[in-house]
Protein backbone atom coordinates (compact mmCIF):
# COMPACT_ATOMS: atom_id res chain seq x y z
CA MET A 1 41.61 13.27 -21.63
CA ASN A 2 38.01 12.71 -20.49
CA ARG A 3 36.18 9.37 -20.80
CA SER A 4 34.46 10.27 -24.07
CA GLN A 5 37.75 11.22 -25.65
CA GLN A 6 39.34 7.99 -24.42
CA LEU A 7 36.50 5.92 -25.89
CA ALA A 8 36.72 7.76 -29.21
CA ALA A 9 40.46 7.08 -29.31
CA ARG A 10 39.79 3.36 -28.71
CA LEU A 11 37.23 3.33 -31.51
CA ARG A 12 39.68 4.94 -33.89
CA GLU A 13 42.31 2.44 -32.76
CA VAL A 14 40.31 -0.61 -33.83
CA LEU A 15 38.40 0.84 -36.77
CA LEU A 16 40.60 3.44 -38.42
CA ASP A 17 44.22 3.97 -37.52
CA GLY A 18 45.49 2.07 -34.51
CA LYS A 19 48.14 -0.57 -34.11
CA TRP A 20 48.54 -0.83 -30.34
CA ILE A 21 46.28 -3.79 -29.48
CA ALA A 22 46.13 -5.85 -32.68
CA ASN A 23 49.01 -4.30 -34.64
CA THR A 24 46.41 -3.44 -37.29
CA ASN A 25 42.89 -2.05 -37.71
CA PHE A 26 39.84 -2.58 -39.91
CA LYS A 27 40.68 0.21 -42.34
CA GLU A 28 44.18 -1.14 -42.91
CA GLN A 29 42.86 -4.65 -43.48
CA ILE A 30 40.26 -3.65 -46.08
CA GLU A 31 41.80 -0.68 -47.91
CA GLY A 32 43.77 -2.61 -50.52
CA LEU A 33 41.55 -5.68 -50.54
CA ASP A 34 39.85 -6.39 -53.86
CA MET A 35 36.28 -7.58 -54.26
CA LYS A 36 37.22 -11.14 -55.15
CA SER A 37 39.22 -11.54 -51.95
CA ALA A 38 36.58 -9.79 -49.85
CA LEU A 39 33.93 -12.21 -51.09
CA ALA A 40 36.07 -15.35 -50.96
CA ARG A 41 34.56 -17.95 -48.70
CA VAL A 42 36.71 -20.18 -46.53
CA GLY A 43 34.61 -23.17 -45.56
CA GLU A 44 31.53 -22.02 -43.70
CA LEU A 45 33.15 -18.90 -42.28
CA HIS A 46 31.86 -15.41 -42.96
CA THR A 47 33.61 -13.50 -45.72
CA VAL A 48 35.57 -10.31 -45.09
CA ALA A 49 32.82 -8.36 -46.85
CA GLU A 50 30.19 -9.88 -44.55
CA LEU A 51 32.24 -8.94 -41.49
CA VAL A 52 32.74 -5.37 -42.70
CA TYR A 53 29.00 -5.07 -43.34
CA HIS A 54 28.26 -6.58 -39.91
CA ILE A 55 30.40 -4.12 -37.96
CA ASN A 56 29.14 -1.21 -40.05
CA TYR A 57 25.56 -2.31 -39.39
CA TYR A 58 26.04 -1.81 -35.65
CA VAL A 59 28.12 1.36 -35.93
CA ALA A 60 25.52 2.94 -38.24
CA GLY A 61 22.66 1.81 -35.99
CA LEU A 62 24.19 3.33 -32.88
CA LEU A 63 25.12 6.46 -34.79
CA ASP A 64 21.44 6.92 -35.66
CA VAL A 65 20.65 7.06 -31.94
CA PHE A 66 23.47 9.54 -31.32
CA ARG A 67 21.86 11.74 -33.98
CA GLY A 68 18.50 11.66 -32.23
CA GLY A 69 16.93 8.70 -34.04
CA GLN A 70 15.61 5.42 -32.77
CA LEU A 71 17.49 2.17 -32.31
CA LEU A 72 16.15 0.20 -35.27
CA ILE A 73 18.87 -2.40 -35.81
CA ARG A 74 18.24 -6.06 -35.04
CA ASP A 75 20.79 -8.83 -34.69
CA LYS A 76 18.96 -11.08 -37.14
CA PHE A 77 19.66 -8.60 -39.96
CA SER A 78 23.28 -7.84 -39.11
CA PHE A 79 24.75 -10.18 -41.73
CA ASP A 80 22.30 -9.34 -44.54
CA LEU A 81 25.01 -8.09 -46.87
CA PRO A 82 23.52 -6.69 -50.07
CA GLU A 83 24.84 -8.41 -53.16
CA ILE A 84 28.22 -7.12 -54.26
CA LYS A 85 28.57 -7.49 -58.02
CA THR A 86 31.30 -5.01 -58.88
CA GLU A 87 34.45 -3.47 -57.45
CA LYS A 88 32.43 -0.26 -57.20
CA ASP A 89 29.95 -2.01 -54.88
CA TRP A 90 32.79 -3.25 -52.69
CA SER A 91 34.45 0.17 -52.70
CA GLN A 92 31.16 1.76 -51.66
CA LEU A 93 30.83 -0.61 -48.70
CA LYS A 94 34.38 0.18 -47.58
CA GLU A 95 33.78 3.91 -47.97
CA THR A 96 30.52 3.76 -46.02
CA PHE A 97 32.23 1.76 -43.28
CA ILE A 98 35.07 4.28 -42.97
CA ASP A 99 32.72 7.29 -43.10
CA ASN A 100 30.51 5.80 -40.38
CA ALA A 101 33.53 4.88 -38.24
CA ILE A 102 34.78 8.47 -38.43
CA ALA A 103 31.34 9.92 -37.69
CA PHE A 104 30.78 7.56 -34.78
CA SER A 105 34.17 8.39 -33.27
CA VAL A 106 33.43 12.10 -33.57
CA ALA A 107 29.99 11.64 -31.99
CA VAL A 108 31.43 9.66 -29.09
CA GLU A 109 34.16 12.23 -28.53
CA ALA A 110 31.56 15.00 -28.37
CA LEU A 111 29.54 13.30 -25.64
CA ASP A 112 29.44 14.88 -22.25
CA ASP A 113 30.92 12.34 -19.83
CA ALA A 114 27.72 12.37 -17.76
CA ARG A 115 25.83 11.06 -20.81
CA LEU A 116 27.94 7.89 -20.78
CA ASP A 117 26.12 6.67 -17.68
CA GLN A 118 22.63 7.36 -19.05
CA PRO A 119 20.39 4.75 -20.68
CA PHE A 120 20.98 4.15 -24.38
CA ALA A 121 17.74 4.35 -26.40
CA ASP A 122 15.95 2.21 -23.77
CA GLU A 123 17.07 1.07 -20.33
CA LYS A 124 17.05 -2.58 -21.48
CA TYR A 125 20.01 -1.77 -23.77
CA GLY A 126 22.19 -0.49 -20.94
CA THR A 127 24.11 2.76 -20.95
CA TYR A 128 25.87 4.72 -23.63
CA LEU A 129 29.15 3.51 -22.13
CA ARG A 130 28.15 -0.15 -22.33
CA ASN A 131 27.12 0.20 -25.97
CA ILE A 132 30.27 2.05 -27.01
CA GLU A 133 32.48 -0.47 -25.23
CA GLY A 134 30.44 -3.21 -26.87
CA VAL A 135 31.24 -1.82 -30.32
CA ILE A 136 34.94 -1.71 -29.45
CA GLU A 137 35.04 -5.28 -28.13
CA HIS A 138 32.86 -6.60 -30.95
CA SER A 139 35.07 -4.89 -33.52
CA TYR A 140 38.24 -6.42 -32.12
CA TYR A 141 36.62 -9.85 -32.17
CA HIS A 142 35.74 -9.55 -35.85
CA LEU A 143 39.01 -7.79 -36.73
CA GLY A 144 40.76 -10.95 -35.57
CA GLN A 145 38.58 -12.97 -37.92
CA VAL A 146 39.38 -10.65 -40.83
CA VAL A 147 43.12 -11.00 -40.18
CA LEU A 148 42.85 -14.79 -40.06
CA LEU A 149 40.69 -14.92 -43.19
CA ARG A 150 43.19 -12.82 -45.11
CA LYS A 151 45.97 -15.19 -44.05
CA MET A 152 43.90 -18.20 -45.11
CA LEU A 153 43.28 -16.66 -48.52
């Protein structure tokens, strides 16, 4: 397995279907979760819906670059969850998250390994490898929060 394939497998592990590191993944945590639970606030903590939006924001932003676009995402907007009023709204966010996670994994897997060491969008953002690993680490961090929030609910 080359590096790109290994990274794609790690992305799928945390986002879609893995159990090795955390014994769960984002998809498993959100699939059966209803809107009321996803929006439930525990103290001043982010909601599950906010965390799903947050991770999707970064995945979608990086995916745009993989598809030849510009890096337009900004940290200050990463928790700007659009209002969720219905179960359909919540279902759409989950579906978008899963679709983007799949597409991002496929895009990473298709990368030539040499590309991993090249600058991502702009040299100040580091390499493709650094950004992909950042998504993996960031996703595990927030997956832990989602698991804890679900237990607190």
